[in-house]
Amino acid sequence: MKLIDYPIAIAEKQRHFLQIEQNIRRLQDILNRLAAEIDTAIAFDNTLKNDAQRKAKRLELMQASDYRRAAANLQMTQDERAEIEIDLNLLRNQFSVLKLQLREAIAARELQVLDAA
């Protein structure tokens, strides 16, 4: 990749990162809504007599397919975000290294010109 290509590649990766962040927020909202529904169901369940029963019921309700699927989707998306962040940092670092190499090449040429004079 050429030096001029890096800013565009970095911007594209940042846009992808933003899309993943937005998706994580959406998935977190879904998970929070499901957790609130579970808490509401437990709060209005008169058959639960103590805290231990409420905790057990909460764990039982969290095993429902909707909740597990939402939690799994959130975790996968968070993992995807981490991978994109790694790629974004790599692009930035490669860009920095390339700029340093070019600066070094310019400095070496300037020294050659000074030595030749």
N, C-alpha and C. Protein backbone atom coordinates (compact mmCIF):
# COMPACT_ATOMS: atom_id res chain seq x y z
N MET A 1 0.84 -1.17 0.00
CA MET A 1 0.00 0.00 0.00
C MET A 1 0.89 1.24 0.00
N LYS A 2 0.49 2.25 -0.74
CA LYS A 2 1.25 3.48 -0.82
C LYS A 2 0.87 4.40 0.34
N LEU A 3 1.74 5.33 0.61
CA LEU A 3 1.51 6.28 1.70
C LEU A 3 0.17 7.00 1.54
N ILE A 4 -0.15 7.36 0.33
CA ILE A 4 -1.37 8.11 0.07
C ILE A 4 -2.64 7.28 0.32
N ASP A 5 -2.52 5.96 0.30
CA ASP A 5 -3.67 5.07 0.48
C ASP A 5 -4.06 4.90 1.95
N TYR A 6 -3.13 5.15 2.84
CA TYR A 6 -3.38 4.88 4.26
C TYR A 6 -4.50 5.72 4.88
N PRO A 7 -4.56 7.02 4.65
CA PRO A 7 -5.66 7.79 5.27
C PRO A 7 -7.05 7.26 4.90
N ILE A 8 -7.22 6.87 3.64
CA ILE A 8 -8.52 6.34 3.21
C ILE A 8 -8.78 4.99 3.87
N ALA A 9 -7.78 4.13 3.91
CA ALA A 9 -7.93 2.82 4.53
C ALA A 9 -8.24 2.96 6.03
N ILE A 10 -7.58 3.91 6.67
CA ILE A 10 -7.83 4.14 8.10
C ILE A 10 -9.24 4.65 8.31
N ALA A 11 -9.68 5.58 7.48
CA ALA A 11 -11.04 6.12 7.60
C ALA A 11 -12.09 5.04 7.39
N GLU A 12 -11.87 4.17 6.41
CA GLU A 12 -12.80 3.07 6.16
C GLU A 12 -12.88 2.13 7.35
N LYS A 13 -11.73 1.83 7.93
CA LYS A 13 -11.70 0.95 9.10
C LYS A 13 -12.40 1.61 10.28
N GLN A 14 -12.22 2.93 10.43
CA GLN A 14 -12.89 3.65 11.51
C GLN A 14 -14.41 3.65 11.31
N ARG A 15 -14.86 3.78 10.06
CA ARG A 15 -16.31 3.71 9.79
C ARG A 15 -16.85 2.33 10.15
N HIS A 16 -16.11 1.31 9.79
CA HIS A 16 -16.53 -0.05 10.13
C HIS A 16 -16.59 -0.22 11.65
N PHE A 17 -15.59 0.33 12.34
CA PHE A 17 -15.55 0.28 13.80
C PHE A 17 -16.78 0.98 14.38
N LEU A 18 -17.15 2.14 13.82
CA LEU A 18 -18.34 2.87 14.28
C LEU A 18 -19.60 2.04 14.08
N GLN A 19 -19.71 1.38 12.94
CA GLN A 19 -20.89 0.54 12.68
C GLN A 19 -21.00 -0.58 13.71
N ILE A 20 -19.86 -1.17 14.05
CA ILE A 20 -19.86 -2.23 15.06
C ILE A 20 -20.25 -1.67 16.43
N GLU A 21 -19.73 -0.49 16.76
CA GLU A 21 -20.09 0.16 18.03
C GLU A 21 -21.60 0.41 18.10
N GLN A 22 -22.18 0.88 17.01
CA GLN A 22 -23.62 1.12 16.97
C GLN A 22 -24.39 -0.19 17.14
N ASN A 23 -23.89 -1.24 16.51
CA ASN A 23 -24.53 -2.55 16.64
C ASN A 23 -24.43 -3.06 18.08
N ILE A 24 -23.30 -2.83 18.72
CA ILE A 24 -23.14 -3.25 20.12
C ILE A 24 -24.13 -2.51 21.00
N ARG A 25 -24.30 -1.21 20.78
CA ARG A 25 -25.27 -0.46 21.58
C ARG A 25 -26.68 -1.00 21.39
N ARG A 26 -27.02 -1.33 20.14
CA ARG A 26 -28.35 -1.88 19.86
C ARG A 26 -28.54 -3.23 20.56
N LEU A 27 -27.52 -4.09 20.46
CA LEU A 27 -27.60 -5.40 21.11
C LEU A 27 -27.65 -5.27 22.63
N GLN A 28 -26.90 -4.31 23.18
CA GLN A 28 -26.91 -4.09 24.62
C GLN A 28 -28.30 -3.63 25.07
N ASP A 29 -28.94 -2.78 24.28
CA ASP A 29 -30.30 -2.34 24.60
C ASP A 29 -31.27 -3.51 24.62
N ILE A 30 -31.14 -4.41 23.64
CA ILE A 30 -32.00 -5.59 23.60
C ILE A 30 -31.78 -6.45 24.84
N LEU A 31 -30.51 -6.68 25.17
CA LEU A 31 -30.20 -7.49 26.35
C LEU A 31 -30.73 -6.83 27.62
N ASN A 32 -30.58 -5.51 27.73
CA ASN A 32 -31.09 -4.79 28.90
C ASN A 32 -32.61 -4.90 28.99
N ARG A 33 -33.30 -4.82 27.84
CA ARG A 33 -34.76 -4.94 27.83
C ARG A 33 -35.18 -6.34 28.29
N LEU A 34 -34.48 -7.35 27.80
CA LEU A 34 -34.80 -8.72 28.21
C LEU A 34 -34.54 -8.91 29.70
N ALA A 35 -33.45 -8.34 30.22
CA ALA A 35 -33.15 -8.44 31.65
C ALA A 35 -34.21 -7.72 32.47
N ALA A 36 -34.69 -6.59 31.97
CA ALA A 36 -35.75 -5.86 32.68
C ALA A 36 -37.04 -6.67 32.70
N GLU A 37 -37.33 -7.35 31.60
CA GLU A 37 -38.53 -8.21 31.56
C GLU A 37 -38.40 -9.35 32.56
N ILE A 38 -37.21 -9.90 32.68
CA ILE A 38 -36.97 -10.97 33.66
C ILE A 38 -37.16 -10.44 35.07
N ASP A 39 -36.57 -9.28 35.35
CA ASP A 39 -36.69 -8.69 36.68
C ASP A 39 -38.14 -8.36 37.02
N THR A 40 -38.88 -7.88 36.02
CA THR A 40 -40.30 -7.57 36.24
C THR A 40 -41.09 -8.84 36.53
N ALA A 41 -40.81 -9.90 35.77
CA ALA A 41 -41.51 -11.18 36.00
C ALA A 41 -41.23 -11.70 37.40
N ILE A 42 -40.01 -11.56 37.84
CA ILE A 42 -39.63 -12.03 39.18
C ILE A 42 -40.30 -11.17 40.25
N ALA A 43 -40.31 -9.87 40.04
CA ALA A 43 -40.89 -8.95 41.04
C ALA A 43 -42.37 -9.21 41.26
N PHE A 44 -43.08 -9.61 40.21
CA PHE A 44 -44.53 -9.83 40.34
C PHE A 44 -44.91 -11.30 40.53
N ASP A 45 -43.92 -12.14 40.76
CA ASP A 45 -44.18 -13.56 40.99
C ASP A 45 -44.33 -13.78 42.50
N ASN A 46 -45.57 -13.97 42.94
CA ASN A 46 -45.87 -14.13 44.38
C ASN A 46 -45.46 -15.49 44.92
N THR A 47 -45.11 -16.40 44.04
CA THR A 47 -44.73 -17.73 44.51
C THR A 47 -43.28 -17.76 45.02
N LEU A 48 -42.50 -16.73 44.67
CA LEU A 48 -41.11 -16.67 45.10
C LEU A 48 -41.06 -16.04 46.49
N LYS A 49 -40.62 -16.83 47.46
CA LYS A 49 -40.72 -16.40 48.86
C LYS A 49 -39.47 -15.74 49.41
N ASN A 50 -38.32 -16.03 48.82
CA ASN A 50 -37.09 -15.46 49.38
C ASN A 50 -36.09 -15.13 48.26
N ASP A 51 -34.99 -14.54 48.67
CA ASP A 51 -33.98 -14.09 47.71
C ASP A 51 -33.38 -15.26 46.94
N ALA A 52 -33.17 -16.37 47.59
CA ALA A 52 -32.59 -17.54 46.92
C ALA A 52 -33.51 -18.03 45.80
N GLN A 53 -34.81 -18.06 46.06
CA GLN A 53 -35.77 -18.47 45.03
C GLN A 53 -35.80 -17.48 43.87
N ARG A 54 -35.71 -16.19 44.19
CA ARG A 54 -35.70 -15.16 43.13
C ARG A 54 -34.44 -15.29 42.27
N LYS A 55 -33.30 -15.54 42.90
CA LYS A 55 -32.05 -15.71 42.15
C LYS A 55 -32.12 -16.94 41.25
N ALA A 56 -32.66 -18.03 41.80
CA ALA A 56 -32.79 -19.26 41.01
C ALA A 56 -33.72 -19.04 39.82
N LYS A 57 -34.82 -18.34 40.05
CA LYS A 57 -35.77 -18.06 38.97
C LYS A 57 -35.13 -17.16 37.91
N ARG A 58 -34.36 -16.19 38.36
CA ARG A 58 -33.67 -15.30 37.42
C ARG A 58 -32.71 -16.11 36.53
N LEU A 59 -31.92 -16.99 37.14
CA LEU A 59 -31.01 -17.83 36.35
C LEU A 59 -31.78 -18.72 35.37
N GLU A 60 -32.90 -19.23 35.83
CA GLU A 60 -33.74 -20.07 34.96
C GLU A 60 -34.25 -19.27 33.77
N LEU A 61 -34.75 -18.06 34.01
CA LEU A 61 -35.28 -17.24 32.93
C LEU A 61 -34.18 -16.75 31.98
N MET A 62 -32.97 -16.60 32.50
CA MET A 62 -31.85 -16.17 31.66
C MET A 62 -31.39 -17.29 30.72
N GLN A 63 -31.85 -18.50 30.95
CA GLN A 63 -31.52 -19.62 30.07
C GLN A 63 -32.45 -19.69 28.87
N ALA A 64 -33.43 -18.80 28.81
CA ALA A 64 -34.36 -18.78 27.67
C ALA A 64 -33.57 -18.49 26.39
N SER A 65 -34.05 -19.03 25.28
CA SER A 65 -33.31 -18.91 24.02
C SER A 65 -33.13 -17.46 23.57
N ASP A 66 -34.14 -16.61 23.78
CA ASP A 66 -34.02 -15.20 23.38
C ASP A 66 -32.89 -14.51 24.12
N TYR A 67 -32.83 -14.72 25.42
CA TYR A 67 -31.80 -14.08 26.23
C TYR A 67 -30.41 -14.62 25.87
N ARG A 68 -30.30 -15.92 25.76
CA ARG A 68 -29.00 -16.52 25.42
C ARG A 68 -28.53 -16.09 24.04
N ARG A 69 -29.45 -16.01 23.08
CA ARG A 69 -29.11 -15.58 21.73
C ARG A 69 -28.64 -14.13 21.74
N ALA A 70 -29.34 -13.27 22.48
CA ALA A 70 -28.95 -11.86 22.56
C ALA A 70 -27.58 -11.71 23.21
N ALA A 71 -27.34 -12.47 24.26
CA ALA A 71 -26.05 -12.41 24.95
C ALA A 71 -24.93 -12.92 24.03
N ALA A 72 -25.20 -13.98 23.30
CA ALA A 72 -24.20 -14.53 22.38
C ALA A 72 -23.90 -13.56 21.24
N ASN A 73 -24.95 -12.94 20.69
CA ASN A 73 -24.76 -11.96 19.62
C ASN A 73 -23.95 -10.77 20.10
N LEU A 74 -24.23 -10.32 21.31
CA LEU A 74 -23.48 -9.21 21.88
C LEU A 74 -22.00 -9.58 22.03
N GLN A 75 -21.75 -10.76 22.54
CA GLN A 75 -20.36 -11.19 22.75
C GLN A 75 -19.62 -11.34 21.42
N MET A 76 -20.27 -11.91 20.43
CA MET A 76 -19.62 -12.06 19.11
C MET A 76 -19.32 -10.69 18.50
N THR A 77 -20.23 -9.76 18.65
CA THR A 77 -20.03 -8.43 18.09
C THR A 77 -18.93 -7.69 18.84
N GLN A 78 -18.84 -7.89 20.14
CA GLN A 78 -17.75 -7.30 20.91
C GLN A 78 -16.41 -7.88 20.48
N ASP A 79 -16.38 -9.17 20.19
CA ASP A 79 -15.16 -9.79 19.69
C ASP A 79 -14.78 -9.22 18.32
N GLU A 80 -15.79 -9.02 17.47
CA GLU A 80 -15.55 -8.44 16.15
C GLU A 80 -14.99 -7.02 16.29
N ARG A 81 -15.54 -6.26 17.24
CA ARG A 81 -15.02 -4.91 17.49
C ARG A 81 -13.55 -4.96 17.88
N ALA A 82 -13.19 -5.90 18.73
CA ALA A 82 -11.79 -6.02 19.16
C ALA A 82 -10.88 -6.33 17.98
N GLU A 83 -11.33 -7.19 17.08
CA GLU A 83 -10.54 -7.52 15.90
C GLU A 83 -10.37 -6.31 14.99
N ILE A 84 -11.43 -5.55 14.81
CA ILE A 84 -11.36 -4.36 13.96
C ILE A 84 -10.45 -3.31 14.61
N GLU A 85 -10.51 -3.20 15.91
CA GLU A 85 -9.64 -2.25 16.62
C GLU A 85 -8.17 -2.63 16.44
N ILE A 86 -7.89 -3.92 16.48
CA ILE A 86 -6.52 -4.40 16.25
C ILE A 86 -6.08 -4.04 14.83
N ASP A 87 -6.95 -4.30 13.85
CA ASP A 87 -6.63 -3.97 12.45
C ASP A 87 -6.44 -2.46 12.27
N LEU A 88 -7.28 -1.67 12.92
CA LEU A 88 -7.17 -0.22 12.83
C LEU A 88 -5.84 0.26 13.41
N ASN A 89 -5.47 -0.27 14.56
CA ASN A 89 -4.18 0.10 15.15
C ASN A 89 -3.02 -0.34 14.28
N LEU A 90 -3.14 -1.50 13.67
CA LEU A 90 -2.09 -1.97 12.76
C LEU A 90 -1.93 -1.01 11.58
N LEU A 91 -3.04 -0.60 10.99
CA LEU A 91 -2.98 0.34 9.87
C LEU A 91 -2.31 1.65 10.30
N ARG A 92 -2.71 2.15 11.44
CA ARG A 92 -2.12 3.40 11.94
C ARG A 92 -0.61 3.23 12.17
N ASN A 93 -0.23 2.12 12.75
CA ASN A 93 1.19 1.88 13.02
C ASN A 93 1.98 1.71 11.72
N GLN A 94 1.40 1.00 10.76
CA GLN A 94 2.07 0.85 9.47
C GLN A 94 2.25 2.21 8.79
N PHE A 95 1.23 3.04 8.90
CA PHE A 95 1.29 4.38 8.33
C PHE A 95 2.42 5.18 9.00
N SER A 96 2.51 5.10 10.31
CA SER A 96 3.56 5.81 11.04
C SER A 96 4.95 5.30 10.66
N VAL A 97 5.10 4.00 10.54
CA VAL A 97 6.39 3.42 10.16
C VAL A 97 6.79 3.87 8.76
N LEU A 98 5.83 3.85 7.85
CA LEU A 98 6.12 4.28 6.48
C LEU A 98 6.54 5.75 6.44
N LYS A 99 5.87 6.59 7.21
CA LYS A 99 6.25 8.00 7.27
C LYS A 99 7.67 8.15 7.84
N LEU A 100 7.98 7.39 8.87
CA LEU A 100 9.33 7.45 9.44
C LEU A 100 10.39 6.98 8.45
N GLN A 101 10.08 5.93 7.72
CA GLN A 101 11.02 5.44 6.71
C GLN A 101 11.27 6.49 5.62
N LEU A 102 10.21 7.16 5.23
CA LEU A 102 10.37 8.20 4.22
C LEU A 102 11.17 9.38 4.76
N ARG A 103 10.93 9.74 6.00
CA ARG A 103 11.72 10.81 6.62
C ARG A 103 13.20 10.42 6.70
N GLU A 104 13.43 9.16 7.03
CA GLU A 104 14.81 8.67 7.11
C GLU A 104 15.48 8.73 5.73
N ALA A 105 14.74 8.34 4.69
CA ALA A 105 15.28 8.38 3.33
C ALA A 105 15.58 9.82 2.91
N ILE A 106 14.71 10.74 3.27
CA ILE A 106 14.94 12.16 2.95
C ILE A 106 16.18 12.67 3.69
N ALA A 107 16.30 12.33 4.96
CA ALA A 107 17.46 12.76 5.74
C ALA A 107 18.74 12.18 5.16
N ALA A 108 18.71 10.93 4.73
CA ALA A 108 19.90 10.31 4.14
C ALA A 108 20.29 11.02 2.84
N ARG A 109 19.30 11.37 2.03
CA ARG A 109 19.59 12.10 0.78
C ARG A 109 20.17 13.48 1.07
N GLU A 110 19.62 14.13 2.07
CA GLU A 110 20.14 15.45 2.44
C GLU A 110 21.60 15.35 2.91
N LEU A 111 21.90 14.28 3.64
CA LEU A 111 23.29 14.08 4.06
C LEU A 111 24.20 13.81 2.87
N GLN A 112 23.72 13.06 1.90
CA GLN A 112 24.50 12.80 0.69
C GLN A 112 24.78 14.10 -0.07
N VAL A 113 23.77 14.95 -0.14
CA VAL A 113 23.94 16.22 -0.83
C VAL A 113 24.97 17.08 -0.08
N LEU A 114 24.88 17.12 1.24
CA LEU A 114 25.81 17.90 2.04
C LEU A 114 27.23 17.35 1.93
N ASP A 115 27.36 16.03 1.92
CA ASP A 115 28.69 15.40 1.81
C ASP A 115 29.30 15.64 0.42
N ALA A 116 28.45 15.69 -0.60
CA ALA A 116 28.93 15.89 -1.96
C ALA A 116 29.36 17.33 -2.20
N ALA A 117 28.82 18.22 -1.42
CA ALA A 117 29.13 19.65 -1.63
C ALA A 117 30.47 20.06 -1.07
